[in-house]
């Protein structure tokens, strides 16, 4: 006994989970909620500002939230306008990292100098 092939609807296809007909424009199955395809990345000004601010702040939180950073998705996008957003986000994160490291070195050198400067060759805060 041969199995008959399941006919594809003219609408666009079936959900791989619940097998309900879906349109090719659907991002989610309206019946079961299965993610059928990724929605396009937003290029709105508010989204760009959020990504850029996150790229600047990310080094300050020691890359703990790198898995939530959307810059990689934008950088890997085939669309050039979205790829530009990813490139700018990477540049901002790199610049922010460099500035943060530089500031940390300057702060540490100043701290070390003030901590040892009073004890070596000078008077300490104790008056000796």
PDB file of N, CA and C in Angstrom:
ATOM      1  N   UNK A   1       0.842  -1.162   0.000  1.00  0.00           N
ATOM      2  CA  UNK A   1       0.000   0.000   0.000  1.00  0.00           C
ATOM      3  C   UNK A   1       0.895   1.235   0.000  1.00  0.00           C
ATOM      4  N   UNK A   2       0.726   2.061  -0.973  1.00  0.00           N
ATOM      5  CA  UNK A   2       1.550   3.247  -1.141  1.00  0.00           C
ATOM      6  C   UNK A   2       0.872   4.443  -0.494  1.00  0.00           C
ATOM      7  N   UNK A   3       1.666   5.243   0.179  1.00  0.00           N
ATOM      8  CA  UNK A   3       1.130   6.435   0.841  1.00  0.00           C
ATOM      9  C   UNK A   3       0.947   7.553  -0.163  1.00  0.00           C
ATOM     10  N   UNK A   4      -0.162   8.213  -0.057  1.00  0.00           N
ATOM     11  CA  UNK A   4      -0.410   9.360  -0.932  1.00  0.00           C
ATOM     12  C   UNK A   4       0.310  10.570  -0.362  1.00  0.00           C
ATOM     13  N   UNK A   5       0.909  11.343  -1.233  1.00  0.00           N
ATOM     14  CA  UNK A   5       1.606  12.551  -0.798  1.00  0.00           C
ATOM     15  C   UNK A   5       0.602  13.574  -0.306  1.00  0.00           C
ATOM     16  N   UNK A   6       0.972  14.276   0.723  1.00  0.00           N
ATOM     17  CA  UNK A   6       0.098  15.318   1.263  1.00  0.00           C
ATOM     18  C   UNK A   6       0.145  16.502   0.310  1.00  0.00           C
ATOM     19  N   UNK A   7      -0.988  16.917  -0.203  1.00  0.00           N
ATOM     20  CA  UNK A   7      -0.974  18.032  -1.157  1.00  0.00           C
ATOM     21  C   UNK A   7      -0.630  19.342  -0.466  1.00  0.00           C
ATOM     22  N   UNK A   8       0.189  20.135  -1.120  1.00  0.00           N
ATOM     23  CA  UNK A   8       0.541  21.457  -0.615  1.00  0.00           C
ATOM     24  C   UNK A   8      -0.569  22.435  -0.992  1.00  0.00           C
ATOM     25  N   UNK A   9      -1.044  23.219  -0.043  1.00  0.00           N
ATOM     26  CA  UNK A   9      -2.098  24.173  -0.374  1.00  0.00           C
ATOM     27  C   UNK A   9      -1.534  25.308  -1.220  1.00  0.00           C
ATOM     28  N   UNK A  10      -2.392  25.934  -1.956  1.00  0.00           N
ATOM     29  CA  UNK A  10      -1.972  27.069  -2.778  1.00  0.00           C
ATOM     30  C   UNK A  10      -1.680  28.283  -1.912  1.00  0.00           C
ATOM     31  N   UNK A  11      -2.015  28.196  -0.637  1.00  0.00           N
ATOM     32  CA  UNK A  11      -1.765  29.314   0.264  1.00  0.00           C
ATOM     33  C   UNK A  11      -0.281  29.504   0.542  1.00  0.00           C
ATOM     34  N   UNK A  12       0.504  28.467   0.564  1.00  0.00           N
ATOM     35  CA  UNK A  12       1.918  28.626   0.835  1.00  0.00           C
ATOM     36  C   UNK A  12       2.554  27.447   1.531  1.00  0.00           C
ATOM     37  N   UNK A  13       1.847  26.656   2.276  1.00  0.00           N
ATOM     38  CA  UNK A  13       2.439  25.505   2.935  1.00  0.00           C
ATOM     39  C   UNK A  13       1.684  25.134   4.190  1.00  0.00           C
ATOM     40  N   UNK A  14       2.293  24.212   4.916  1.00  0.00           N
ATOM     41  CA  UNK A  14       1.713  23.743   6.168  1.00  0.00           C
ATOM     42  C   UNK A  14       2.684  24.025   7.300  1.00  0.00           C
ATOM     43  N   UNK A  15       2.139  24.218   8.478  1.00  0.00           N
ATOM     44  CA  UNK A  15       2.958  24.357   9.677  1.00  0.00           C
ATOM     45  C   UNK A  15       3.625  23.008   9.945  1.00  0.00           C
ATOM     46  N   UNK A  16       4.935  22.997  10.224  1.00  0.00           N
ATOM     47  CA  UNK A  16       5.612  21.713  10.467  1.00  0.00           C
ATOM     48  C   UNK A  16       5.194  21.049  11.775  1.00  0.00           C
ATOM     49  N   UNK A  17       4.532  21.779  12.664  1.00  0.00           N
ATOM     50  CA  UNK A  17       4.136  21.209  13.959  1.00  0.00           C
ATOM     51  C   UNK A  17       2.688  20.729  13.943  1.00  0.00           C
ATOM     52  N   UNK A  18       1.763  21.618  13.585  1.00  0.00           N
ATOM     53  CA  UNK A  18       0.342  21.255  13.673  1.00  0.00           C
ATOM     54  C   UNK A  18      -0.276  20.953  12.307  1.00  0.00           C
ATOM     55  N   UNK A  19       0.483  21.141  11.238  1.00  0.00           N
ATOM     56  CA  UNK A  19       0.070  20.818   9.868  1.00  0.00           C
ATOM     57  C   UNK A  19      -1.139  21.615   9.384  1.00  0.00           C
ATOM     58  N   UNK A  20      -1.333  22.784   9.950  1.00  0.00           N
ATOM     59  CA  UNK A  20      -2.391  23.672   9.478  1.00  0.00           C
ATOM     60  C   UNK A  20      -1.858  24.495   8.301  1.00  0.00           C
ATOM     61  N   UNK A  21      -2.704  24.857   7.354  1.00  0.00           N
ATOM     62  CA  UNK A  21      -2.232  25.670   6.226  1.00  0.00           C
ATOM     63  C   UNK A  21      -1.801  27.065   6.704  1.00  0.00           C
ATOM     64  N   UNK A  22      -0.699  27.539   6.145  1.00  0.00           N
ATOM     65  CA  UNK A  22      -0.193  28.868   6.485  1.00  0.00           C
ATOM     66  C   UNK A  22       0.167  29.619   5.207  1.00  0.00           C
ATOM     67  N   UNK A  23       0.092  30.919   5.281  1.00  0.00           N
ATOM     68  CA  UNK A  23       0.485  31.759   4.149  1.00  0.00           C
ATOM     69  C   UNK A  23       2.001  31.944   4.155  1.00  0.00           C
ATOM     70  N   UNK A  24       2.601  32.195   3.004  1.00  0.00           N
ATOM     71  CA  UNK A  24       4.055  32.384   2.974  1.00  0.00           C
ATOM     72  C   UNK A  24       4.508  33.657   3.691  1.00  0.00           C
ATOM     73  N   UNK A  25       3.600  34.567   3.959  1.00  0.00           N
ATOM     74  CA  UNK A  25       3.951  35.813   4.641  1.00  0.00           C
ATOM     75  C   UNK A  25       3.921  35.683   6.159  1.00  0.00           C
ATOM     76  N   UNK A  26       3.454  34.544   6.671  1.00  0.00           N
ATOM     77  CA  UNK A  26       3.356  34.350   8.120  1.00  0.00           C
ATOM     78  C   UNK A  26       4.744  34.131   8.721  1.00  0.00           C
ATOM     79  N   UNK A  27       4.979  34.774   9.868  1.00  0.00           N
ATOM     80  CA  UNK A  27       6.199  34.535  10.627  1.00  0.00           C
ATOM     81  C   UNK A  27       5.952  33.490  11.712  1.00  0.00           C
ATOM     82  N   UNK A  28       4.705  33.384  12.167  1.00  0.00           N
ATOM     83  CA  UNK A  28       4.306  32.426  13.194  1.00  0.00           C
ATOM     84  C   UNK A  28       3.038  31.719  12.735  1.00  0.00           C
ATOM     85  N   UNK A  29       2.886  30.477  13.147  1.00  0.00           N
ATOM     86  CA  UNK A  29       1.665  29.740  12.838  1.00  0.00           C
ATOM     87  C   UNK A  29       0.533  30.320  13.676  1.00  0.00           C
ATOM     88  N   UNK A  30      -0.592  30.686  13.052  1.00  0.00           N
ATOM     89  CA  UNK A  30      -1.705  31.248  13.833  1.00  0.00           C
ATOM     90  C   UNK A  30      -2.395  30.211  14.706  1.00  0.00           C
ATOM     91  N   UNK A  31      -2.159  28.932  14.450  1.00  0.00           N
ATOM     92  CA  UNK A  31      -2.806  27.886  15.221  1.00  0.00           C
ATOM     93  C   UNK A  31      -1.998  27.507  16.465  1.00  0.00           C
ATOM     94  N   UNK A  32      -0.702  27.202  16.285  1.00  0.00           N
ATOM     95  CA  UNK A  32       0.091  26.704  17.416  1.00  0.00           C
ATOM     96  C   UNK A  32       1.182  27.677  17.872  1.00  0.00           C
ATOM     97  N   UNK A  33       1.452  28.718  17.089  1.00  0.00           N
ATOM     98  CA  UNK A  33       2.447  29.710  17.484  1.00  0.00           C
ATOM     99  C   UNK A  33       3.870  29.363  17.097  1.00  0.00           C
ATOM    100  N   UNK A  34       4.084  28.298  16.332  1.00  0.00           N
ATOM    101  CA  UNK A  34       5.431  27.888  15.908  1.00  0.00           C
ATOM    102  C   UNK A  34       6.066  29.004  15.081  1.00  0.00           C
ATOM    103  N   UNK A  35       7.340  29.277  15.362  1.00  0.00           N
ATOM    104  CA  UNK A  35       8.088  30.276  14.598  1.00  0.00           C
ATOM    105  C   UNK A  35       8.391  29.685  13.229  1.00  0.00           C
ATOM    106  N   UNK A  36       7.788  30.228  12.179  1.00  0.00           N
ATOM    107  CA  UNK A  36       7.967  29.697  10.831  1.00  0.00           C
ATOM    108  C   UNK A  36       9.180  30.301  10.133  1.00  0.00           C
ATOM    109  N   UNK A  37       9.428  31.576  10.381  1.00  0.00           N
ATOM    110  CA  UNK A  37      10.620  32.235   9.844  1.00  0.00           C
ATOM    111  C   UNK A  37      10.868  33.487  10.663  1.00  0.00           C
ATOM    112  N   UNK A  38      12.103  33.956  10.613  1.00  0.00           N
ATOM    113  CA  UNK A  38      12.480  35.146  11.378  1.00  0.00           C
ATOM    114  C   UNK A  38      11.890  36.389  10.729  1.00  0.00           C
ATOM    115  N   UNK A  39      11.275  37.259  11.531  1.00  0.00           N
ATOM    116  CA  UNK A  39      10.804  38.531  10.967  1.00  0.00           C
ATOM    117  C   UNK A  39      12.008  39.392  10.587  1.00  0.00           C
ATOM    118  N   UNK A  40      11.846  40.294   9.628  1.00  0.00           N
ATOM    119  CA  UNK A  40      12.974  41.142   9.228  1.00  0.00           C
ATOM    120  C   UNK A  40      13.409  42.044  10.382  1.00  0.00           C
ATOM    121  N   UNK A  41      14.697  42.338  10.421  1.00  0.00           N
ATOM    122  CA  UNK A  41      15.248  43.198  11.469  1.00  0.00           C
ATOM    123  C   UNK A  41      14.785  44.631  11.253  1.00  0.00           C
ATOM    124  N   UNK A  42      14.455  45.297  12.332  1.00  0.00           N
ATOM    125  CA  UNK A  42      13.976  46.673  12.271  1.00  0.00           C
ATOM    126  C   UNK A  42      15.133  47.634  12.008  1.00  0.00           C
ATOM    127  N   UNK A  43      14.855  48.668  11.228  1.00  0.00           N
ATOM    128  CA  UNK A  43      15.860  49.715  10.983  1.00  0.00           C
ATOM    129  C   UNK A  43      15.347  51.070  11.468  1.00  0.00           C
ATOM    130  N   UNK A  44      14.393  51.060  12.381  1.00  0.00           N
ATOM    131  CA  UNK A  44      13.850  52.323  12.881  1.00  0.00           C
ATOM    132  C   UNK A  44      14.910  53.080  13.681  1.00  0.00           C
ATOM    133  N   UNK A  45      14.723  54.365  13.800  1.00  0.00           N
ATOM    134  CA  UNK A  45      15.673  55.212  14.522  1.00  0.00           C
ATOM    135  C   UNK A  45      15.760  54.780  15.987  1.00  0.00           C
ATOM    136  N   UNK A  46      14.636  54.469  16.596  1.00  0.00           N
ATOM    137  CA  UNK A  46      14.636  54.043  17.997  1.00  0.00           C
ATOM    138  C   UNK A  46      15.428  52.740  18.173  1.00  0.00           C
ATOM    139  N   UNK A  47      15.273  51.801  17.258  1.00  0.00           N
ATOM    140  CA  UNK A  47      16.027  50.550  17.327  1.00  0.00           C
ATOM    141  C   UNK A  47      17.515  50.810  17.170  1.00  0.00           C
ATOM    142  N   UNK A  48      17.884  51.663  16.230  1.00  0.00           N
ATOM    143  CA  UNK A  48      19.291  51.980  16.019  1.00  0.00           C
ATOM    144  C   UNK A  48      19.898  52.638  17.254  1.00  0.00           C
ATOM    145  N   UNK A  49      19.186  53.580  17.859  1.00  0.00           N
ATOM    146  CA  UNK A  49      19.688  54.246  19.064  1.00  0.00           C
ATOM    147  C   UNK A  49      19.880  53.226  20.185  1.00  0.00           C
ATOM    148  N   UNK A  50      18.930  52.315  20.343  1.00  0.00           N
ATOM    149  CA  UNK A  50      19.049  51.278  21.367  1.00  0.00           C
ATOM    150  C   UNK A  50      20.253  50.382  21.144  1.00  0.00           C
ATOM    151  N   UNK A  51      20.470  49.963  19.906  1.00  0.00           N
ATOM    152  CA  UNK A  51      21.618  49.102  19.590  1.00  0.00           C
ATOM    153  C   UNK A  51      22.921  49.855  19.840  1.00  0.00           C
ATOM    154  N   UNK A  52      22.986  51.110  19.425  1.00  0.00           N
ATOM    155  CA  UNK A  52      24.214  51.891  19.591  1.00  0.00           C
ATOM    156  C   UNK A  52      24.510  52.153  21.068  1.00  0.00           C
ATOM    157  N   UNK A  53      23.480  52.469  21.853  1.00  0.00           N
ATOM    158  CA  UNK A  53      23.690  52.674  23.291  1.00  0.00           C
ATOM    159  C   UNK A  53      24.139  51.374  23.965  1.00  0.00           C
ATOM    160  N   UNK A  54      23.523  50.275  23.594  1.00  0.00           N
ATOM    161  CA  UNK A  54      23.919  48.982  24.147  1.00  0.00           C
ATOM    162  C   UNK A  54      25.367  48.670  23.776  1.00  0.00           C
ATOM    163  N   UNK A  55      25.778  49.021  22.558  1.00  0.00           N
ATOM    164  CA  UNK A  55      27.155  48.782  22.122  1.00  0.00           C
ATOM    165  C   UNK A  55      28.149  49.614  22.924  1.00  0.00           C
ATOM    166  N   UNK A  56      27.748  50.805  23.327  1.00  0.00           N
ATOM    167  CA  UNK A  56      28.627  51.676  24.107  1.00  0.00           C
ATOM    168  C   UNK A  56      28.706  51.203  25.559  1.00  0.00           C
ATOM    169  N   UNK A  57      27.583  50.759  26.109  1.00  0.00           N
ATOM    170  CA  UNK A  57      27.519  50.356  27.513  1.00  0.00           C
ATOM    171  C   UNK A  57      28.047  48.937  27.724  1.00  0.00           C
ATOM    172  N   UNK A  58      27.986  48.088  26.714  1.00  0.00           N
ATOM    173  CA  UNK A  58      28.344  46.680  26.857  1.00  0.00           C
ATOM    174  C   UNK A  58      29.723  46.447  27.461  1.00  0.00           C
ATOM    175  N   UNK A  59      30.783  47.142  27.037  1.00  0.00           N
ATOM    176  CA  UNK A  59      32.084  46.897  27.674  1.00  0.00           C
ATOM    177  C   UNK A  59      32.095  47.260  29.161  1.00  0.00           C
ATOM    178  N   UNK A  60      31.287  48.223  29.563  1.00  0.00           N
ATOM    179  CA  UNK A  60      31.254  48.629  30.967  1.00  0.00           C
ATOM    180  C   UNK A  60      30.665  47.533  31.856  1.00  0.00           C
ATOM    181  N   UNK A  61      29.865  46.656  31.297  1.00  0.00           N
ATOM    182  CA  UNK A  61      29.308  45.556  32.088  1.00  0.00           C
ATOM    183  C   UNK A  61      30.064  44.260  31.796  1.00  0.00           C
ATOM    184  N   UNK A  62      31.303  44.418  31.334  1.00  0.00           N
ATOM    185  CA  UNK A  62      32.246  43.316  31.152  1.00  0.00           C
ATOM    186  C   UNK A  62      31.728  42.225  30.220  1.00  0.00           C
ATOM    187  N   UNK A  63      31.035  42.601  29.194  1.00  0.00           N
ATOM    188  CA  UNK A  63      30.542  41.680  28.174  1.00  0.00           C
ATOM    189  C   UNK A  63      29.644  40.574  28.744  1.00  0.00           C
ATOM    190  N   UNK A  64      29.041  40.818  29.893  1.00  0.00           N
ATOM    191  CA  UNK A  64      28.164  39.807  30.495  1.00  0.00           C
ATOM    192  C   UNK A  64      26.879  39.625  29.680  1.00  0.00           C
ATOM    193  N   UNK A  65      26.487  40.651  28.960  1.00  0.00           N
ATOM    194  CA  UNK A  65      25.240  40.580  28.200  1.00  0.00           C
ATOM    195  C   UNK A  65      25.494  40.422  26.708  1.00  0.00           C
ATOM    196  N   UNK A  66      26.658  39.915  26.324  1.00  0.00           N
ATOM    197  CA  UNK A  66      27.008  39.810  24.907  1.00  0.00           C
ATOM    198  C   UNK A  66      26.029  38.917  24.145  1.00  0.00           C
ATOM    199  N   UNK A  67      25.459  37.937  24.802  1.00  0.00           N
ATOM    200  CA  UNK A  67      24.518  37.058  24.095  1.00  0.00           C
ATOM    201  C   UNK A  67      23.221  37.773  23.739  1.00  0.00           C
ATOM    202  N   UNK A  68      22.943  38.893  24.396  1.00  0.00           N
ATOM    203  CA  UNK A  68      21.740  39.666  24.088  1.00  0.00           C
ATOM    204  C   UNK A  68      22.025  40.819  23.133  1.00  0.00           C
ATOM    205  N   UNK A  69      23.284  40.986  22.748  1.00  0.00           N
ATOM    206  CA  UNK A  69      23.670  42.099  21.887  1.00  0.00           C
ATOM    207  C   UNK A  69      23.209  41.819  20.462  1.00  0.00           C
ATOM    208  N   UNK A  70      22.351  42.684  19.903  1.00  0.00           N
ATOM    209  CA  UNK A  70      21.811  42.419  18.565  1.00  0.00           C
ATOM    210  C   UNK A  70      22.747  42.794  17.426  1.00  0.00           C
ATOM    211  N   UNK A  71      23.897  43.356  17.727  1.00  0.00           N
ATOM    212  CA  UNK A  71      24.806  43.786  16.671  1.00  0.00           C
ATOM    213  C   UNK A  71      25.230  42.671  15.739  1.00  0.00           C
ATOM    214  N   UNK A  72      25.391  41.456  16.257  1.00  0.00           N
ATOM    215  CA  UNK A  72      25.816  40.328  15.434  1.00  0.00           C
ATOM    216  C   UNK A  72      24.751  39.977  14.404  1.00  0.00           C
ATOM    217  N   UNK A  73      23.481  39.968  14.816  1.00  0.00           N
ATOM    218  CA  UNK A  73      22.407  39.661  13.867  1.00  0.00           C
ATOM    219  C   UNK A  73      22.389  40.676  12.736  1.00  0.00           C
ATOM    220  N   UNK A  74      22.564  41.947  13.086  1.00  0.00           N
ATOM    221  CA  UNK A  74      22.561  42.985  12.065  1.00  0.00           C
ATOM    222  C   UNK A  74      23.802  42.875  11.177  1.00  0.00           C
ATOM    223  N   UNK A  75      24.931  42.549  11.750  1.00  0.00           N
ATOM    224  CA  UNK A  75      26.168  42.411  10.979  1.00  0.00           C
ATOM    225  C   UNK A  75      26.087  41.263   9.981  1.00  0.00           C
ATOM    226  N   UNK A  76      25.408  40.193  10.331  1.00  0.00           N
ATOM    227  CA  UNK A  76      25.277  39.014   9.457  1.00  0.00           C
ATOM    228  C   UNK A  76      24.123  39.116   8.469  1.00  0.00           C
ATOM    229  N   UNK A  77      23.347  40.173   8.533  1.00  0.00           N
ATOM    230  CA  UNK A  77      22.204  40.325   7.650  1.00  0.00           C
ATOM    231  C   UNK A  77      22.659  40.519   6.203  1.00  0.00           C
ATOM    232  N   UNK A  78      21.959  39.930   5.239  1.00  0.00           N
ATOM    233  CA  UNK A  78      22.337  40.121   3.843  1.00  0.00           C
ATOM    234  C   UNK A  78      21.965  41.510   3.315  1.00  0.00           C
ATOM    235  N   UNK A  79      21.040  42.177   3.987  1.00  0.00           N
ATOM    236  CA  UNK A  79      20.606  43.514   3.572  1.00  0.00           C
ATOM    237  C   UNK A  79      21.653  44.549   3.995  1.00  0.00           C
ATOM    238  N   UNK A  80      22.108  45.374   3.049  1.00  0.00           N
ATOM    239  CA  UNK A  80      23.192  46.317   3.310  1.00  0.00           C
ATOM    240  C   UNK A  80      22.817  47.351   4.375  1.00  0.00           C
ATOM    241  N   UNK A  81      21.578  47.852   4.395  1.00  0.00           N
ATOM    242  CA  UNK A  81      21.202  48.864   5.394  1.00  0.00           C
ATOM    243  C   UNK A  81      21.250  48.284   6.803  1.00  0.00           C
ATOM    244  N   UNK A  82      20.884  47.028   6.956  1.00  0.00           N
ATOM    245  CA  UNK A  82      20.964  46.383   8.265  1.00  0.00           C
ATOM    246  C   UNK A  82      22.418  46.047   8.612  1.00  0.00           C
ATOM    247  N   UNK A  83      23.192  45.659   7.629  1.00  0.00           N
ATOM    248  CA  UNK A  83      24.613  45.361   7.840  1.00  0.00           C
ATOM    249  C   UNK A  83      25.358  46.620   8.298  1.00  0.00           C
ATOM    250  N   UNK A  84      24.982  47.791   7.773  1.00  0.00           N
ATOM    251  CA  UNK A  84      25.607  49.049   8.195  1.00  0.00           C
ATOM    252  C   UNK A  84      25.350  49.306   9.679  1.00  0.00           C
ATOM    253  N   UNK A  85      24.147  49.016  10.137  1.00  0.00           N
ATOM    254  CA  UNK A  85      23.823  49.181  11.556  1.00  0.00           C
ATOM    255  C   UNK A  85      24.736  48.281  12.390  1.00  0.00           C
ATOM    256  N   UNK A  86      24.956  47.052  11.953  1.00  0.00           N
ATOM    257  CA  UNK A  86      25.849  46.132  12.651  1.00  0.00           C
ATOM    258  C   UNK A  86      27.290  46.614  12.665  1.00  0.00           C
ATOM    259  N   UNK A  87      27.754  47.172  11.544  1.00  0.00           N
ATOM    260  CA  UNK A  87      29.124  47.686  11.468  1.00  0.00           C
ATOM    261  C   UNK A  87      29.313  48.848  12.433  1.00  0.00           C
ATOM    262  N   UNK A  88      28.363  49.768  12.450  1.00  0.00           N
ATOM    263  CA  UNK A  88      28.439  50.914  13.366  1.00  0.00           C
ATOM    264  C   UNK A  88      28.422  50.428  14.816  1.00  0.00           C
ATOM    265  N   UNK A  89      27.582  49.428  15.116  1.00  0.00           N
ATOM    266  CA  UNK A  89      27.514  48.887  16.479  1.00  0.00           C
ATOM    267  C   UNK A  89      28.850  48.268  16.892  1.00  0.00           C
ATOM    268  N   UNK A  90      29.506  47.553  15.982  1.00  0.00           N
ATOM    269  CA  UNK A  90      30.804  46.949  16.292  1.00  0.00           C
ATOM    270  C   UNK A  90      31.854  48.034  16.524  1.00  0.00           C
ATOM    271  N   UNK A  91      31.856  49.062  15.687  1.00  0.00           N
ATOM    272  CA  UNK A  91      32.816  50.163  15.847  1.00  0.00           C
ATOM    273  C   UNK A  91      32.600  50.868  17.184  1.00  0.00           C
ATOM    274  N   UNK A  92      31.343  51.127  17.545  1.00  0.00           N
ATOM    275  CA  UNK A  92      31.055  51.778  18.828  1.00  0.00           C
ATOM    276  C   UNK A  92      31.484  50.899  20.006  1.00  0.00           C
ATOM    277  N   UNK A  93      31.263  49.597  19.902  1.00  0.00           N
ATOM    278  CA  UNK A  93      31.661  48.717  20.991  1.00  0.00           C
ATOM    279  C   UNK A  93      33.186  48.661  21.110  1.00  0.00           C
ATOM    280  N   UNK A  94      33.881  48.617  19.981  1.00  0.00           N
ATOM    281  CA  UNK A  94      35.342  48.586  20.023  1.00  0.00           C
ATOM    282  C   UNK A  94      35.891  49.891  20.612  1.00  0.00           C
ATOM    283  N   UNK A  95      35.351  51.028  20.168  1.00  0.00           N
ATOM    284  CA  UNK A  95      35.810  52.317  20.692  1.00  0.00           C
ATOM    285  C   UNK A  95      35.520  52.436  22.180  1.00  0.00           C
ATOM    286  N   UNK A  96      34.348  51.999  22.589  1.00  0.00           N
ATOM    287  CA  UNK A  96      33.989  52.047  24.000  1.00  0.00           C
ATOM    288  C   UNK A  96      34.907  51.151  24.834  1.00  0.00           C
ATOM    289  N   UNK A  97      35.258  49.997  24.302  1.00  0.00           N
ATOM    290  CA  UNK A  97      36.165  49.088  25.009  1.00  0.00           C
ATOM    291  C   UNK A  97      37.542  49.720  25.165  1.00  0.00           C
ATOM    292  N   UNK A  98      38.049  50.318  24.097  1.00  0.00           N
ATOM    293  CA  UNK A  98      39.364  50.970  24.141  1.00  0.00           C
ATOM    294  C   UNK A  98      39.359  52.107  25.159  1.00  0.00           C
ATOM    295  N   UNK A  99      38.325  52.934  25.137  1.00  0.00           N
ATOM    296  CA  UNK A  99      38.235  54.056  26.082  1.00  0.00           C
ATOM    297  C   UNK A  99      38.135  53.547  27.513  1.00  0.00           C
ATOM    298  N   UNK A 100      37.349  52.507  27.737  1.00  0.00           N
ATOM    299  CA  UNK A 100      37.198  51.956  29.084  1.00  0.00           C
ATOM    300  C   UNK A 100      38.510  51.371  29.599  1.00  0.00           C
ATOM    301  N   UNK A 101      39.228  50.651  28.751  1.00  0.00           N
ATOM    302  CA  UNK A 101      40.519  50.084  29.165  1.00  0.00           C
ATOM    303  C   UNK A 101      41.511  51.207  29.451  1.00  0.00           C
ATOM    304  N   UNK A 102      41.557  52.207  28.572  1.00  0.00           N
ATOM    305  CA  UNK A 102      42.466  53.346  28.778  1.00  0.00           C
ATOM    306  C   UNK A 102      42.147  54.055  30.095  1.00  0.00           C
ATOM    307  N   UNK A 103      40.862  54.309  30.332  1.00  0.00           N
ATOM    308  CA  UNK A 103      40.458  54.980  31.560  1.00  0.00           C
ATOM    309  C   UNK A 103      40.834  54.135  32.781  1.00  0.00           C
ATOM    310  N   UNK A 104      40.670  52.819  32.687  1.00  0.00           N
ATOM    311  CA  UNK A 104      41.033  51.948  33.796  1.00  0.00           C
ATOM    312  C   UNK A 104      42.527  51.971  34.088  1.00  0.00           C
ATOM    313  N   UNK A 105      43.354  52.000  33.046  1.00  0.00           N
ATOM    314  CA  UNK A 105      44.807  52.069  33.235  1.00  0.00           C
ATOM    315  C   UNK A 105      45.201  53.394  33.878  1.00  0.00           C
ATOM    316  N   UNK A 106      44.646  54.495  33.373  1.00  0.00           N
ATOM    317  CA  UNK A 106      44.951  55.814  33.941  1.00  0.00           C
ATOM    318  C   UNK A 106      44.511  55.876  35.398  1.00  0.00           C
ATOM    319  N   UNK A 107      43.330  55.371  35.690  1.00  0.00           N
ATOM    320  CA  UNK A 107      42.826  55.393  37.067  1.00  0.00           C
ATOM    321  C   UNK A 107      43.721  54.549  37.967  1.00  0.00           C
ATOM    322  N   UNK A 108      44.105  53.357  37.507  1.00  0.00           N
ATOM    323  CA  UNK A 108      44.940  52.478  38.321  1.00  0.00           C
ATOM    324  C   UNK A 108      46.315  53.095  38.565  1.00  0.00           C
ATOM    325  N   UNK A 109      46.905  53.698  37.538  1.00  0.00           N
ATOM    326  CA  UNK A 109      48.212  54.348  37.718  1.00  0.00           C
ATOM    327  C   UNK A 109      48.110  55.495  38.718  1.00  0.00           C
ATOM    328  N   UNK A 110      47.045  56.300  38.626  1.00  0.00           N
ATOM    329  CA  UNK A 110      46.849  57.387  39.588  1.00  0.00           C
ATOM    330  C   UNK A 110      46.636  56.869  40.993  1.00  0.00           C
ATOM    331  N   UNK A 111      45.872  55.806  41.117  1.00  0.00           N
ATOM    332  CA  UNK A 111      45.626  55.209  42.420  1.00  0.00           C
ATOM    333  C   UNK A 111      46.919  54.645  43.001  1.00  0.00           C
ATOM    334  N   UNK A 112      47.680  53.920  42.179  1.00  0.00           N
ATOM    335  CA  UNK A 112      48.935  53.337  42.653  1.00  0.00           C
ATOM    336  C   UNK A 112      49.927  54.423  43.038  1.00  0.00           C
ATOM    337  N   UNK A 113      49.959  55.497  42.287  1.00  0.00           N
ATOM    338  CA  UNK A 113      50.877  56.592  42.590  1.00  0.00           C
ATOM    339  C   UNK A 113      50.476  57.285  43.887  1.00  0.00           C
ATOM    340  N   UNK A 114      49.195  57.499  44.083  1.00  0.00           N
ATOM    341  CA  UNK A 114      48.762  58.157  45.315  1.00  0.00           C
ATOM    342  C   UNK A 114      48.936  57.243  46.530  1.00  0.00           C
ATOM    343  N   UNK A 115      48.796  55.948  46.332  1.00  0.00           N
ATOM    344  CA  UNK A 115      48.946  55.004  47.445  1.00  0.00           C
ATOM    345  C   UNK A 115      50.398  54.844  47.854  1.00  0.00           C
ATOM    346  N   UNK A 116      51.311  54.878  46.905  1.00  0.00           N
ATOM    347  CA  UNK A 116      52.724  54.683  47.227  1.00  0.00           C
ATOM    348  C   UNK A 116      53.480  56.004  47.322  1.00  0.00           C
ATOM    349  N   UNK A 117      52.953  57.067  46.770  1.00  0.00           N
ATOM    350  CA  UNK A 117      53.644  58.356  46.767  1.00  0.00           C
ATOM    351  C   UNK A 117      53.839  58.930  48.150  1.00  0.00           C
ATOM    352  N   UNK A 118      52.911  58.738  49.033  1.00  0.00           N
ATOM    353  CA  UNK A 118      53.029  59.262  50.376  1.00  0.00           C
ATOM    354  C   UNK A 118      53.963  58.450  51.247  1.00  0.00           C
ATOM    355  N   UNK A 119      54.213  57.211  50.891  1.00  0.00           N
ATOM    356  CA  UNK A 119      55.065  56.353  51.700  1.00  0.00           C
ATOM    357  C   UNK A 119      56.513  56.329  51.221  1.00  0.00           C
ATOM    358  N   UNK A 120      56.734  56.595  49.971  1.00  0.00           N
ATOM    359  CA  UNK A 120      58.088  56.525  49.418  1.00  0.00           C
ATOM    360  C   UNK A 120      58.583  57.941  49.131  1.00  0.00           C
ATOM    361  N   UNK A 121      59.539  58.384  49.893  1.00  0.00           N
ATOM    362  CA  UNK A 121      60.181  59.668  49.645  1.00  0.00           C
ATOM    363  C   UNK A 121      59.347  60.886  50.032  1.00  0.00           C
ATOM    364  N   UNK A 122      58.315  60.740  50.703  1.00  0.00           N
ATOM    365  CA  UNK A 122      57.492  61.879  51.084  1.00  0.00           C
ATOM    366  C   UNK A 122      56.912  61.675  52.461  1.00  0.00           C
ATOM    367  N   UNK A 123      56.015  62.559  52.808  1.00  0.00           N
ATOM    368  CA  UNK A 123      55.373  62.410  54.101  1.00  0.00           C
ATOM    369  C   UNK A 123      54.063  61.684  53.932  1.00  0.00           C
ATOM    370  N   UNK A 124      53.762  60.845  54.833  1.00  0.00           N
ATOM    371  CA  UNK A 124      52.491  60.127  54.764  1.00  0.00           C
ATOM    372  C   UNK A 124      51.409  60.976  55.427  1.00  0.00           C
ATOM    373  N   UNK A 125      50.222  60.505  55.320  1.00  0.00           N
ATOM    374  CA  UNK A 125      49.111  61.235  55.925  1.00  0.00           C
ATOM    375  C   UNK A 125      49.144  61.162  57.445  1.00  0.00           C
ATOM    376  N   UNK A 126      50.032  60.332  58.003  1.00  0.00           N
ATOM    377  CA  UNK A 126      50.132  60.216  59.447  1.00  0.00           C
ATOM    378  C   UNK A 126      51.031  61.294  60.045  1.00  0.00           C
ATOM    379  N   UNK A 127      51.737  62.060  59.198  1.00  0.00           N
ATOM    380  CA  UNK A 127      52.568  63.155  59.680  1.00  0.00           C
ATOM    381  C   UNK A 127      53.991  62.794  59.948  1.00  0.00           C
ATOM    382  N   UNK A 128      54.441  61.636  59.556  1.00  0.00           N
ATOM    383  CA  UNK A 128      55.824  61.229  59.784  1.00  0.00           C
ATOM    384  C   UNK A 128      56.710  61.731  58.675  1.00  0.00           C
TER     385      UNK A 128
END
